[in-house]
Amino acid sequence: MNATARPPSASSRPPLDTAAMRTATRRLLAEDAEPPSPQGLETLTLQLRGYMMLAIPVVETAALTWPKNDVPRACALACIGEARMRLRLEPKNASLPACIAHAQRLARAVNALCDHYQTVGGERR
């Protein structure tokens, strides 16, 4: 018997709450969004990073079930690569504008993951 732990399958994971994820991104990306306080921005950035860490394996698992030459699969996998890169990056400096710009990039990645989650069948419309 193999003692290596396996990650839960996509079907055993709870579905992503894309509505909550998109609500969080709107706090930074909406045209009428108010700039968050430094403390609020830190909390929101951590929330977005957490959403990305939850969404990446779910979207990847769903995308990998599609045929290798399928466009939705390729697009989802490219998005996952971009999201992983965003998780590794930090703001260039600690100024509030730089931190907001960094959080906005994370928010756009979260929105893209939500889009791909819907496209590759992770969520019923």
C-alpha atoms as a PDB file:
ATOM      1  CA  MET A   1       0.000   0.000   0.000  1.00  0.00           C
ATOM      2  CA  ASN A   2       1.335   3.424  -0.948  1.00  0.00           C
ATOM      3  CA  ALA A   3       1.520   5.774   2.045  1.00  0.00           C
ATOM      4  CA  THR A   4       1.928   8.878  -0.120  1.00  0.00           C
ATOM      5  CA  ALA A   5      -0.895  11.328   0.484  1.00  0.00           C
ATOM      6  CA  ARG A   6      -2.862  12.319  -2.571  1.00  0.00           C
ATOM      7  CA  PRO A   7      -4.542  15.672  -2.977  1.00  0.00           C
ATOM      8  CA  PRO A   8      -8.320  15.563  -2.863  1.00  0.00           C
ATOM      9  CA  SER A   9      -9.937  15.058  -6.223  1.00  0.00           C
ATOM     10  CA  ALA A  10     -11.844  17.951  -7.766  1.00  0.00           C
ATOM     11  CA  SER A  11     -15.121  16.232  -6.964  1.00  0.00           C
ATOM     12  CA  SER A  12     -14.218  15.931  -3.252  1.00  0.00           C
ATOM     13  CA  ARG A  13     -13.318  19.615  -2.933  1.00  0.00           C
ATOM     14  CA  PRO A  14     -16.057  22.084  -2.127  1.00  0.00           C
ATOM     15  CA  PRO A  15     -16.941  24.344  -5.048  1.00  0.00           C
ATOM     16  CA  LEU A  16     -15.283  27.747  -5.193  1.00  0.00           C
ATOM     17  CA  ASP A  17     -17.376  30.649  -3.966  1.00  0.00           C
ATOM     18  CA  THR A  18     -16.829  32.756  -7.067  1.00  0.00           C
ATOM     19  CA  ALA A  19     -19.420  35.301  -5.931  1.00  0.00           C
ATOM     20  CA  ALA A  20     -17.394  36.061  -2.789  1.00  0.00           C
ATOM     21  CA  MET A  21     -14.169  36.043  -4.786  1.00  0.00           C
ATOM     22  CA  ARG A  22     -15.549  38.541  -7.300  1.00  0.00           C
ATOM     23  CA  THR A  23     -16.942  40.727  -4.517  1.00  0.00           C
ATOM     24  CA  ALA A  24     -13.455  40.996  -3.041  1.00  0.00           C
ATOM     25  CA  THR A  25     -11.938  41.914  -6.407  1.00  0.00           C
ATOM     26  CA  ARG A  26     -14.510  44.655  -6.965  1.00  0.00           C
ATOM     27  CA  ARG A  27     -13.248  46.394  -3.830  1.00  0.00           C
ATOM     28  CA  LEU A  28     -10.103  47.167  -5.838  1.00  0.00           C
ATOM     29  CA  LEU A  29     -11.176  47.071  -9.469  1.00  0.00           C
ATOM     30  CA  ALA A  30     -14.545  48.840  -9.591  1.00  0.00           C
ATOM     31  CA  GLU A  31     -14.422  52.281 -11.179  1.00  0.00           C
ATOM     32  CA  ASP A  32     -15.859  53.843  -8.040  1.00  0.00           C
ATOM     33  CA  ALA A  33     -13.678  51.805  -5.644  1.00  0.00           C
ATOM     34  CA  GLU A  34     -12.378  53.767  -2.664  1.00  0.00           C
ATOM     35  CA  PRO A  35      -8.681  53.255  -1.922  1.00  0.00           C
ATOM     36  CA  PRO A  36      -8.422  50.969   1.102  1.00  0.00           C
ATOM     37  CA  SER A  37      -6.585  51.896   4.274  1.00  0.00           C
ATOM     38  CA  PRO A  38      -3.145  50.294   4.681  1.00  0.00           C
ATOM     39  CA  GLN A  39      -4.585  47.762   7.169  1.00  0.00           C
ATOM     40  CA  GLY A  40      -7.597  47.065   4.953  1.00  0.00           C
ATOM     41  CA  LEU A  41      -5.313  46.631   1.964  1.00  0.00           C
ATOM     42  CA  GLU A  42      -3.148  44.123   3.825  1.00  0.00           C
ATOM     43  CA  THR A  43      -6.235  42.105   4.774  1.00  0.00           C
ATOM     44  CA  LEU A  44      -7.622  42.246   1.244  1.00  0.00           C
ATOM     45  CA  THR A  45      -4.273  41.237  -0.266  1.00  0.00           C
ATOM     46  CA  LEU A  46      -4.087  38.210   2.030  1.00  0.00           C
ATOM     47  CA  GLN A  47      -7.675  37.325   1.138  1.00  0.00           C
ATOM     48  CA  LEU A  48      -6.928  37.514  -2.594  1.00  0.00           C
ATOM     49  CA  ARG A  49      -3.804  35.388  -2.173  1.00  0.00           C
ATOM     50  CA  GLY A  50      -5.867  32.821  -0.260  1.00  0.00           C
ATOM     51  CA  TYR A  51      -8.495  32.752  -3.001  1.00  0.00           C
ATOM     52  CA  MET A  52      -5.760  32.163  -5.566  1.00  0.00           C
ATOM     53  CA  MET A  53      -4.264  29.321  -3.526  1.00  0.00           C
ATOM     54  CA  LEU A  54      -7.697  27.679  -3.339  1.00  0.00           C
ATOM     55  CA  ALA A  55      -8.622  28.272  -6.975  1.00  0.00           C
ATOM     56  CA  ILE A  56      -5.405  27.281  -8.742  1.00  0.00           C
ATOM     57  CA  PRO A  57      -5.551  23.518  -7.992  1.00  0.00           C
ATOM     58  CA  VAL A  58      -9.308  23.372  -8.584  1.00  0.00           C
ATOM     59  CA  VAL A  59      -9.098  25.103 -11.970  1.00  0.00           C
ATOM     60  CA  GLU A  60      -6.032  23.084 -12.919  1.00  0.00           C
ATOM     61  CA  THR A  61      -7.709  19.772 -12.072  1.00  0.00           C
ATOM     62  CA  ALA A  62     -10.771  20.714 -14.124  1.00  0.00           C
ATOM     63  CA  ALA A  63      -8.674  21.992 -17.056  1.00  0.00           C
ATOM     64  CA  LEU A  64      -6.593  18.828 -17.192  1.00  0.00           C
ATOM     65  CA  THR A  65      -9.723  16.776 -17.857  1.00  0.00           C
ATOM     66  CA  TRP A  66     -10.137  18.566 -21.209  1.00  0.00           C
ATOM     67  CA  PRO A  67      -8.384  17.251 -24.351  1.00  0.00           C
ATOM     68  CA  LYS A  68      -4.760  18.379 -24.700  1.00  0.00           C
ATOM     69  CA  ASN A  69      -5.390  20.428 -27.844  1.00  0.00           C
ATOM     70  CA  ASP A  70      -8.509  22.169 -26.517  1.00  0.00           C
ATOM     71  CA  VAL A  71      -8.442  25.980 -26.345  1.00  0.00           C
ATOM     72  CA  PRO A  72     -10.224  26.315 -22.951  1.00  0.00           C
ATOM     73  CA  ARG A  73      -7.653  23.963 -21.420  1.00  0.00           C
ATOM     74  CA  ALA A  74      -4.723  25.927 -22.845  1.00  0.00           C
ATOM     75  CA  CYS A  75      -6.193  29.251 -21.729  1.00  0.00           C
ATOM     76  CA  ALA A  76      -6.916  27.988 -18.219  1.00  0.00           C
ATOM     77  CA  LEU A  77      -3.415  26.530 -17.855  1.00  0.00           C
ATOM     78  CA  ALA A  78      -1.852  29.801 -19.060  1.00  0.00           C
ATOM     79  CA  CYS A  79      -3.941  31.681 -16.503  1.00  0.00           C
ATOM     80  CA  ILE A  80      -2.773  29.303 -13.786  1.00  0.00           C
ATOM     81  CA  GLY A  81       0.848  29.971 -14.732  1.00  0.00           C
ATOM     82  CA  GLU A  82       0.213  33.711 -14.519  1.00  0.00           C
ATOM     83  CA  ALA A  83      -1.533  33.340 -11.154  1.00  0.00           C
ATOM     84  CA  ARG A  84       1.347  31.301  -9.729  1.00  0.00           C
ATOM     85  CA  MET A  85       3.778  33.979 -10.898  1.00  0.00           C
ATOM     86  CA  ARG A  86       1.643  36.675  -9.224  1.00  0.00           C
ATOM     87  CA  LEU A  87       1.745  34.719  -5.961  1.00  0.00           C
ATOM     88  CA  ARG A  88       5.554  34.770  -6.023  1.00  0.00           C
ATOM     89  CA  LEU A  89       5.800  38.527  -6.589  1.00  0.00           C
ATOM     90  CA  GLU A  90       5.774  41.268  -3.973  1.00  0.00           C
ATOM     91  CA  PRO A  91       5.235  45.032  -4.412  1.00  0.00           C
ATOM     92  CA  LYS A  92       8.327  46.883  -5.645  1.00  0.00           C
ATOM     93  CA  ASN A  93       8.230  49.114  -2.573  1.00  0.00           C
ATOM     94  CA  ALA A  94       6.095  49.494   0.525  1.00  0.00           C
ATOM     95  CA  SER A  95       4.305  52.652  -0.592  1.00  0.00           C
ATOM     96  CA  LEU A  96       0.510  52.562  -0.535  1.00  0.00           C
ATOM     97  CA  PRO A  97       0.200  53.136  -4.331  1.00  0.00           C
ATOM     98  CA  ALA A  98       2.633  50.267  -5.061  1.00  0.00           C
ATOM     99  CA  CYS A  99       0.784  47.962  -2.676  1.00  0.00           C
ATOM    100  CA  ILE A 100      -2.584  48.894  -4.219  1.00  0.00           C
ATOM    101  CA  ALA A 101      -1.231  48.216  -7.722  1.00  0.00           C
ATOM    102  CA  HIS A 102       0.078  44.840  -6.536  1.00  0.00           C
ATOM    103  CA  ALA A 103      -3.295  43.964  -4.982  1.00  0.00           C
ATOM    104  CA  GLN A 104      -5.089  45.020  -8.178  1.00  0.00           C
ATOM    105  CA  ARG A 105      -2.929  42.600 -10.180  1.00  0.00           C
ATOM    106  CA  LEU A 106      -3.861  39.848  -7.717  1.00  0.00           C
ATOM    107  CA  ALA A 107      -7.533  40.820  -8.069  1.00  0.00           C
ATOM    108  CA  ARG A 108      -7.366  40.568 -11.869  1.00  0.00           C
ATOM    109  CA  ALA A 109      -5.775  37.109 -11.520  1.00  0.00           C
ATOM    110  CA  VAL A 110      -8.577  36.034  -9.156  1.00  0.00           C
ATOM    111  CA  ASN A 111     -11.198  37.232 -11.661  1.00  0.00           C
ATOM    112  CA  ALA A 112      -9.459  35.319 -14.442  1.00  0.00           C
ATOM    113  CA  LEU A 113      -9.377  32.154 -12.331  1.00  0.00           C
ATOM    114  CA  CYS A 114     -13.120  32.557 -11.668  1.00  0.00           C
ATOM    115  CA  ASP A 115     -13.727  32.926 -15.406  1.00  0.00           C
ATOM    116  CA  HIS A 116     -11.741  29.785 -16.186  1.00  0.00           C
ATOM    117  CA  TYR A 117     -13.415  27.907 -13.341  1.00  0.00           C
ATOM    118  CA  GLN A 118     -16.737  28.559 -15.065  1.00  0.00           C
ATOM    119  CA  THR A 119     -15.375  27.794 -18.539  1.00  0.00           C
ATOM    120  CA  VAL A 120     -13.803  24.433 -17.762  1.00  0.00           C
ATOM    121  CA  GLY A 121     -16.857  23.218 -15.905  1.00  0.00           C
ATOM    122  CA  GLY A 122     -16.012  23.861 -12.285  1.00  0.00           C
ATOM    123  CA  GLU A 123     -19.222  25.799 -11.793  1.00  0.00           C
ATOM    124  CA  ARG A 124     -22.645  25.330 -13.266  1.00  0.00           C
ATOM    125  CA  ARG A 125     -24.072  28.491 -14.748  1.00  0.00           C
END
